[in-house]
Amino acid sequence: MAIRIGFLTPSGANLPSVRFRVLPFVDLGRQQGLDFFWKRIPKSMVRRYPFFSRLPWADVYVVQQKLFSTLELSALRRKCGKLVFDFDDAVWTLPAHDLQGMKQRRRAAKFADRFGRQCASSDLCIAGNRFLADKALEYQKNVSILPTGLDTDKYVCGSGGNEGDAVLVGWMGTSGNLPYLDEPMEALTPHVGPIQFSVVSNARYEGVGKDVTFWSAWSPELEVRQLQAMHIGLMPLHDTEYTRGKCGFKILQYMACGVVPVASDVGANAEIIEHGMDGFLVRKPEEWAEYVLRLAHDPDLREKMAQAARRKVVAEFDIKALADRLWRVLGV
C-alpha cells in the first residue's frame, strides 16, 4: 500500500516556492499513482487551529517554508508519522534593509527561534542549497539538499531573442528585489544602444537608468515567452546572510530558455554557474559591463554558452530527475 504524503504551503499556487517546489511534485506523484495532496495553511491564527484539527492523517507531511509555533508543531505531529521541513530561503532572518528597526530585529529573532525548533522537531530537513543545509545541520542531523528545479519541456529555448540588432539584457523577478538592479544598471546604462534593457516584474523599475529600460508585467502565461525574448539575463545580489540563502532559480530559468546568465558571485549562483562556460560570475561592479559587453559583441560565444547552459539545466535541474531524488528521501 502506497504511503500518503501531504504538502503544506504558506500561500497559493502563484508563490514561486509553491509553483516549483510543491505543485510539480504533487502532479508527478499523482501521475505515478502515488497518494499525494497539498493544502494551503491559513494566514489567520484564528483559522489555523481548526485547520490543524481537521487535517487528515498522512504518513508524511512536508511543510514548505512556513515556521510554526510550538503548539502548531505539536498539533501537526499528531497528524503524521513523519514530519519534513522543506525550505529554499533563509527563513530564519530578513533582508538586510529590513533589519534596521528594533521591531524588525525582534521579528527576525522570533523567526530564528522558530527555525531552530522546527528543524530539531522534524524528522528530516530538505534545503535548497548548501548554505541552507549547513544552517539546518546546526539543529538537525538528517538534512538533504534538493535544488529548486523546473520543467525543461516547458522552459525551452526560443527563436533567438528580440527582433532587431540590439542585444536584449533582461531581468525577471518580484518588486522586492528590484533595488538589486541599481548596481548593474549603473555600469550598463552608458552602453545603451547596442544593448537594450528589459525588466519583467509586478512593478516598474524606478532606480538607476530607469529611463532606458522597458517594463513588462509578469504573468505565468507569458513568463516563458518573456524569458525567450532575452539574450542575457541579470541576477544581481548583495552578499548578505539572507541572499546567500537564495537558490538561484532565476538563473535556471534563464539557462533553460537559452539566456546566458550574468550573476553576482553570491551563494548558490556560484554553485550553478561555471564561470566562463555557461555564464559569468561578477565580483566587482565594473564586471557587469565587462561580461555583458563581451557577450553582446560576440554572438558565437553567446550561442556557445547558451547551449552549455541549457545542457546543464536539463541534466541536473529537470523536475523529473529531482522528483526521483525526493521520492528516495521521503521513503516513497
Protein backbone atom coordinates (compact mmCIF):
# COMPACT_ATOMS: atom_id res chain seq x y z
CA MET A 1 0.00 0.00 0.00
CA ALA A 2 1.37 3.41 -1.06
CA ILE A 3 2.18 5.84 1.69
CA ARG A 4 0.18 9.06 1.91
CA ILE A 5 2.13 12.32 1.64
CA GLY A 6 0.71 15.79 2.24
CA PHE A 7 2.36 19.10 1.40
CA LEU A 8 1.50 22.20 3.46
CA THR A 9 2.20 25.59 1.89
CA PRO A 10 2.13 29.15 3.29
CA SER A 11 0.45 30.61 0.22
CA GLY A 12 -1.33 29.78 -3.00
CA ALA A 13 -0.21 28.45 -6.36
CA ASN A 14 1.48 31.66 -7.59
CA LEU A 15 4.07 31.77 -4.81
CA PRO A 16 7.34 30.66 -6.51
CA SER A 17 8.22 28.13 -3.82
CA VAL A 18 4.77 26.56 -4.22
CA ARG A 19 4.86 26.67 -8.03
CA PHE A 20 8.23 24.95 -8.27
CA ARG A 21 8.88 23.01 -5.04
CA VAL A 22 5.40 21.61 -4.35
CA LEU A 23 2.87 21.53 -7.19
CA PRO A 24 5.09 19.81 -9.79
CA PHE A 25 5.90 17.04 -7.32
CA VAL A 26 2.25 16.61 -6.36
CA ASP A 27 1.31 16.35 -10.05
CA LEU A 28 4.12 13.91 -10.88
CA GLY A 29 3.32 11.82 -7.83
CA ARG A 30 -0.33 11.54 -8.76
CA GLN A 31 0.60 10.63 -12.35
CA GLN A 32 2.64 7.76 -10.92
CA GLY A 33 -0.30 6.59 -8.80
CA LEU A 34 1.04 7.93 -5.51
CA ASP A 35 -1.26 9.27 -2.78
CA PHE A 36 -0.14 12.93 -2.76
CA PHE A 37 -2.10 16.04 -1.80
CA TRP A 38 -1.44 19.64 -0.79
CA LYS A 39 -3.19 22.19 1.40
CA ARG A 40 -2.67 25.90 1.97
CA ILE A 41 -2.08 26.95 5.59
CA PRO A 42 -4.45 29.75 6.69
CA LYS A 43 -2.73 33.05 7.47
CA SER A 44 -5.12 33.85 10.30
CA MET A 45 -4.20 32.38 13.67
CA VAL A 46 -7.90 32.01 14.47
CA ARG A 47 -8.43 29.83 11.39
CA ARG A 48 -5.19 27.92 11.79
CA TYR A 49 -6.13 25.93 14.90
CA PRO A 50 -9.29 24.40 13.38
CA PHE A 51 -7.23 23.79 10.23
CA PHE A 52 -4.87 21.50 12.15
CA SER A 53 -7.72 19.70 13.88
CA ARG A 54 -9.31 18.86 10.50
CA LEU A 55 -6.11 17.79 8.76
CA PRO A 56 -6.29 14.19 7.53
CA TRP A 57 -3.70 11.70 8.68
CA ALA A 58 -0.66 11.36 6.42
CA ASP A 59 2.34 9.09 6.66
CA VAL A 60 4.46 12.13 5.80
CA TYR A 61 3.71 15.85 5.97
CA VAL A 62 6.10 18.17 4.12
CA VAL A 63 5.96 21.73 5.44
CA GLN A 64 7.13 24.16 2.78
CA GLN A 65 8.79 27.31 4.21
CA LYS A 66 6.27 28.03 6.96
CA LEU A 67 7.61 28.40 10.53
CA PHE A 68 5.16 27.17 13.17
CA SER A 69 4.72 27.90 16.85
CA THR A 70 5.37 25.17 19.42
CA LEU A 71 1.64 24.44 19.76
CA GLU A 72 1.16 24.24 15.99
CA LEU A 73 4.10 21.87 15.62
CA SER A 74 2.65 19.67 18.36
CA ALA A 75 -0.75 19.62 16.63
CA LEU A 76 0.83 18.73 13.29
CA ARG A 77 2.98 15.96 14.74
CA ARG A 78 -0.18 14.21 15.94
CA LYS A 79 -1.38 14.07 12.33
CA CYS A 80 1.58 12.30 10.72
CA GLY A 81 4.11 9.56 11.10
CA LYS A 82 7.00 11.64 9.70
CA LEU A 83 7.44 15.40 9.58
CA VAL A 84 9.62 17.02 6.89
CA PHE A 85 10.62 20.70 6.71
CA ASP A 86 11.44 21.95 3.19
CA PHE A 87 12.84 25.44 2.65
CA ASP A 88 14.66 27.31 -0.13
CA ASP A 89 15.17 30.70 1.55
CA ALA A 90 16.93 31.97 4.68
CA VAL A 91 13.61 31.88 6.52
CA TRP A 92 15.30 32.45 9.91
CA THR A 93 16.16 36.07 9.05
CA LEU A 94 15.07 39.08 6.94
CA PRO A 95 16.69 41.06 4.12
CA ALA A 96 19.40 43.41 5.39
CA HIS A 97 17.36 46.54 4.58
CA ASP A 98 14.53 45.20 6.78
CA LEU A 99 16.71 44.80 9.88
CA GLN A 100 17.17 48.48 10.70
CA GLY A 101 14.46 48.91 13.33
CA MET A 102 14.08 47.27 16.72
CA LYS A 103 10.68 45.84 15.79
CA GLN A 104 12.08 44.09 12.72
CA ARG A 105 15.08 42.74 14.61
CA ARG A 106 12.73 41.24 17.20
CA ARG A 107 10.74 39.71 14.35
CA ALA A 108 13.89 38.16 12.90
CA ALA A 109 14.83 36.82 16.33
CA LYS A 110 11.43 35.13 16.56
CA PHE A 111 11.97 33.58 13.12
CA ALA A 112 15.41 32.30 14.16
CA ASP A 113 13.97 30.72 17.31
CA ARG A 114 11.16 29.03 15.39
CA PHE A 115 13.55 27.87 12.68
CA GLY A 116 15.81 26.10 15.16
CA ARG A 117 12.88 24.49 16.94
CA GLN A 118 11.24 23.37 13.70
CA CYS A 119 14.44 21.84 12.32
CA ALA A 120 15.00 19.99 15.60
CA SER A 121 11.37 18.80 15.77
CA SER A 122 11.31 17.47 12.21
CA ASP A 123 12.44 14.04 11.11
CA LEU A 124 14.11 15.45 8.01
CA CYS A 125 15.06 18.88 6.63
CA ILE A 126 15.26 19.44 2.88
CA ALA A 127 17.25 22.54 1.93
CA GLY A 128 17.51 24.23 -1.44
CA ASN A 129 21.28 24.78 -1.33
CA ARG A 130 24.42 24.04 0.69
CA PHE A 131 24.29 27.25 2.74
CA LEU A 132 20.75 26.48 3.90
CA ALA A 133 21.65 22.87 4.61
CA ASP A 134 24.59 23.92 6.79
CA LYS A 135 22.26 26.12 8.82
CA ALA A 136 19.78 23.28 9.33
CA LEU A 137 22.61 20.97 10.40
CA GLU A 138 23.08 23.15 13.47
CA TYR A 139 19.79 21.72 14.77
CA GLN A 140 19.11 18.52 12.82
CA LYS A 141 21.50 15.79 11.64
CA ASN A 142 19.13 14.43 8.97
CA VAL A 143 19.42 17.03 6.18
CA SER A 144 19.20 16.60 2.39
CA ILE A 145 19.84 19.12 -0.37
CA LEU A 146 17.29 19.38 -3.16
CA PRO A 147 17.67 22.34 -5.55
CA THR A 148 14.61 24.03 -6.93
CA GLY A 149 14.08 22.55 -10.38
CA LEU A 150 11.90 23.25 -13.38
CA ASP A 151 10.21 21.51 -16.27
CA THR A 152 12.70 21.68 -19.13
CA ASP A 153 9.98 20.56 -21.54
CA LYS A 154 8.19 23.83 -20.75
CA TYR A 155 11.16 26.16 -20.28
CA VAL A 156 12.78 25.85 -23.71
CA CYS A 157 14.91 28.00 -25.99
CA GLY A 158 13.06 30.47 -28.17
CA SER A 159 13.71 31.90 -31.62
CA GLY A 160 16.83 33.82 -30.66
CA GLY A 161 15.77 36.87 -28.72
CA ASN A 162 14.03 40.09 -29.58
CA GLU A 163 13.66 41.48 -33.06
CA GLY A 164 16.29 43.91 -34.35
CA ASP A 165 20.04 44.20 -33.95
CA ALA A 166 20.23 45.19 -30.30
CA VAL A 167 21.08 42.58 -27.66
CA LEU A 168 18.38 42.38 -25.02
CA VAL A 169 19.66 42.32 -21.44
CA GLY A 170 16.84 41.23 -19.15
CA TRP A 171 15.88 40.79 -15.54
CA MET A 172 12.85 38.95 -14.16
CA GLY A 173 11.74 38.96 -10.54
CA THR A 174 9.42 40.33 -7.89
CA SER A 175 9.33 44.03 -6.99
CA GLY A 176 11.03 43.45 -3.64
CA ASN A 177 14.23 42.53 -5.48
CA LEU A 178 14.24 45.47 -7.91
CA PRO A 179 16.78 47.51 -5.84
CA TYR A 180 19.45 44.90 -6.62
CA LEU A 181 19.33 46.14 -10.23
CA ASP A 182 20.88 49.52 -9.39
CA GLU A 183 24.50 48.28 -9.42
CA PRO A 184 24.44 46.57 -12.85
CA MET A 185 22.31 49.34 -14.35
CA GLU A 186 24.83 51.97 -13.23
CA ALA A 187 27.54 50.07 -15.09
CA LEU A 188 25.46 49.24 -18.16
CA THR A 189 23.37 52.38 -18.81
CA PRO A 190 26.21 54.20 -20.66
CA HIS A 191 26.18 51.40 -23.23
CA VAL A 192 22.53 51.65 -24.20
CA GLY A 193 22.08 51.35 -27.95
CA PRO A 194 23.94 48.15 -28.84
CA ILE A 195 22.19 46.70 -25.80
CA GLN A 196 18.67 47.29 -24.55
CA PHE A 197 17.16 46.56 -21.15
CA SER A 198 14.02 44.66 -20.23
CA VAL A 199 12.55 44.39 -16.73
CA VAL A 200 9.80 41.82 -16.16
CA SER A 201 8.17 42.27 -12.77
CA ASN A 202 4.97 43.06 -10.91
CA ALA A 203 6.09 46.72 -10.65
CA ARG A 204 8.10 49.17 -12.71
CA TYR A 205 11.79 49.68 -12.05
CA GLU A 206 12.38 53.20 -10.69
CA GLY A 207 16.12 53.04 -9.98
CA VAL A 208 19.33 53.90 -11.81
CA GLY A 209 18.80 54.00 -15.56
CA LYS A 210 15.03 53.66 -15.32
CA ASP A 211 14.57 55.84 -18.41
CA VAL A 212 16.35 53.37 -20.68
CA THR A 213 14.51 50.22 -19.56
CA PHE A 214 11.22 48.97 -20.80
CA TRP A 215 8.89 47.15 -18.46
CA SER A 216 6.64 44.14 -18.93
CA ALA A 217 4.18 42.92 -16.34
CA TRP A 218 4.98 39.37 -15.26
CA SER A 219 2.35 36.69 -15.67
CA PRO A 220 2.57 32.90 -15.53
CA GLU A 221 1.05 32.68 -19.02
CA LEU A 222 3.68 34.97 -20.59
CA GLU A 223 6.70 34.03 -18.47
CA VAL A 224 8.41 31.65 -20.90
CA ARG A 225 8.00 33.98 -23.87
CA GLN A 226 9.29 36.90 -21.80
CA LEU A 227 12.40 34.88 -20.94
CA GLN A 228 12.89 33.71 -24.53
CA ALA A 229 12.99 37.33 -25.71
CA MET A 230 16.19 37.92 -23.74
CA HIS A 231 19.78 37.22 -24.84
CA ILE A 232 21.47 37.88 -21.48
CA GLY A 233 19.88 37.56 -18.03
CA LEU A 234 20.99 39.51 -14.96
CA MET A 235 20.98 38.08 -11.42
CA PRO A 236 22.45 40.75 -9.11
CA LEU A 237 22.55 40.22 -5.33
CA HIS A 238 24.20 41.86 -2.34
CA ASP A 239 26.25 39.45 -0.26
CA THR A 240 24.29 39.03 2.98
CA GLU A 241 23.10 36.14 5.12
CA TYR A 242 19.66 36.47 3.57
CA THR A 243 20.83 36.46 -0.07
CA ARG A 244 23.20 33.54 0.48
CA GLY A 245 20.05 31.54 1.17
CA LYS A 246 18.64 32.21 -2.30
CA CYS A 247 18.74 29.18 -4.57
CA GLY A 248 19.42 30.78 -7.96
CA PHE A 249 16.16 29.74 -9.55
CA LYS A 250 16.09 32.80 -11.78
CA ILE A 251 19.41 31.66 -13.22
CA LEU A 252 17.94 28.25 -14.02
CA GLN A 253 15.01 29.87 -15.82
CA TYR A 254 17.42 31.93 -17.94
CA MET A 255 19.62 28.94 -18.72
CA ALA A 256 16.72 26.64 -19.65
CA CYS A 257 15.49 29.23 -22.16
CA GLY A 258 18.92 29.72 -23.77
CA VAL A 259 19.60 33.02 -21.99
CA VAL A 260 23.19 33.45 -20.76
CA PRO A 261 23.25 34.46 -17.07
CA VAL A 262 25.49 37.16 -15.65
CA ALA A 263 25.16 36.92 -11.88
CA SER A 264 26.68 38.10 -8.62
CA ASP A 265 29.18 35.63 -7.19
CA VAL A 266 26.97 35.01 -4.16
CA GLY A 267 25.61 31.82 -2.62
CA ALA A 268 24.01 29.29 -4.93
CA ASN A 269 24.78 31.41 -8.00
CA ALA A 270 28.35 30.08 -7.82
CA GLU A 271 27.09 26.52 -7.31
CA ILE A 272 25.08 26.69 -10.56
CA ILE A 273 27.27 28.72 -12.94
CA GLU A 274 30.62 27.51 -14.22
CA HIS A 275 32.30 30.85 -14.83
CA GLY A 276 33.10 31.45 -18.49
CA MET A 277 31.43 28.20 -19.60
CA ASP A 278 27.67 28.61 -19.10
CA GLY A 279 27.55 32.10 -17.57
CA PHE A 280 29.62 34.73 -15.81
CA LEU A 281 30.03 35.47 -12.10
CA VAL A 282 30.50 39.12 -11.10
CA ARG A 283 32.77 40.01 -8.19
CA LYS A 284 33.31 43.74 -8.88
CA PRO A 285 30.74 46.35 -10.02
CA GLU A 286 32.65 47.13 -13.21
CA GLU A 287 32.45 43.48 -14.28
CA TRP A 288 28.75 43.82 -15.12
CA ALA A 289 29.68 45.88 -18.17
CA GLU A 290 32.76 43.77 -18.95
CA TYR A 291 30.87 40.48 -19.17
CA VAL A 292 27.65 41.78 -20.69
CA LEU A 293 29.53 43.63 -23.45
CA ARG A 294 31.72 40.60 -24.13
CA LEU A 295 28.58 38.56 -24.75
CA ALA A 296 26.85 41.33 -26.68
CA HIS A 297 29.78 41.76 -29.10
CA ASP A 298 30.44 38.05 -29.63
CA PRO A 299 27.30 36.22 -30.78
CA ASP A 300 29.22 32.97 -31.32
CA LEU A 301 30.40 32.99 -27.69
CA ARG A 302 26.88 33.86 -26.56
CA GLU A 303 25.41 30.94 -28.51
CA LYS A 304 28.06 28.51 -27.25
CA MET A 305 27.44 29.49 -23.63
CA ALA A 306 23.66 29.42 -24.09
CA GLN A 307 23.84 25.84 -25.35
CA ALA A 308 26.08 24.81 -22.44
CA ALA A 309 23.66 26.46 -20.00
CA ARG A 310 20.70 24.62 -21.47
CA ARG A 311 22.50 21.27 -21.30
CA LYS A 312 23.36 21.76 -17.64
CA VAL A 313 19.79 22.56 -16.61
CA VAL A 314 18.39 19.56 -18.48
CA ALA A 315 20.98 17.24 -16.96
CA GLU A 316 20.97 18.48 -13.36
CA PHE A 317 17.84 20.51 -12.61
CA ASP A 318 14.95 18.96 -14.54
CA ILE A 319 11.96 18.40 -12.26
CA LYS A 320 11.56 14.71 -13.19
CA ALA A 321 15.09 13.82 -12.10
CA LEU A 322 14.65 15.83 -8.90
CA ALA A 323 11.36 14.04 -8.22
CA ASP A 324 13.18 10.72 -8.14
CA ARG A 325 15.57 12.18 -5.55
CA LEU A 326 12.68 13.50 -3.48
CA TRP A 327 10.88 10.13 -3.56
CA ARG A 328 14.01 8.48 -2.15
CA VAL A 329 14.44 10.87 0.77
CA LEU A 330 10.72 10.72 1.59
CA GLY A 331 10.77 6.92 1.51
CA VAL A 332 8.25 6.56 -1.31
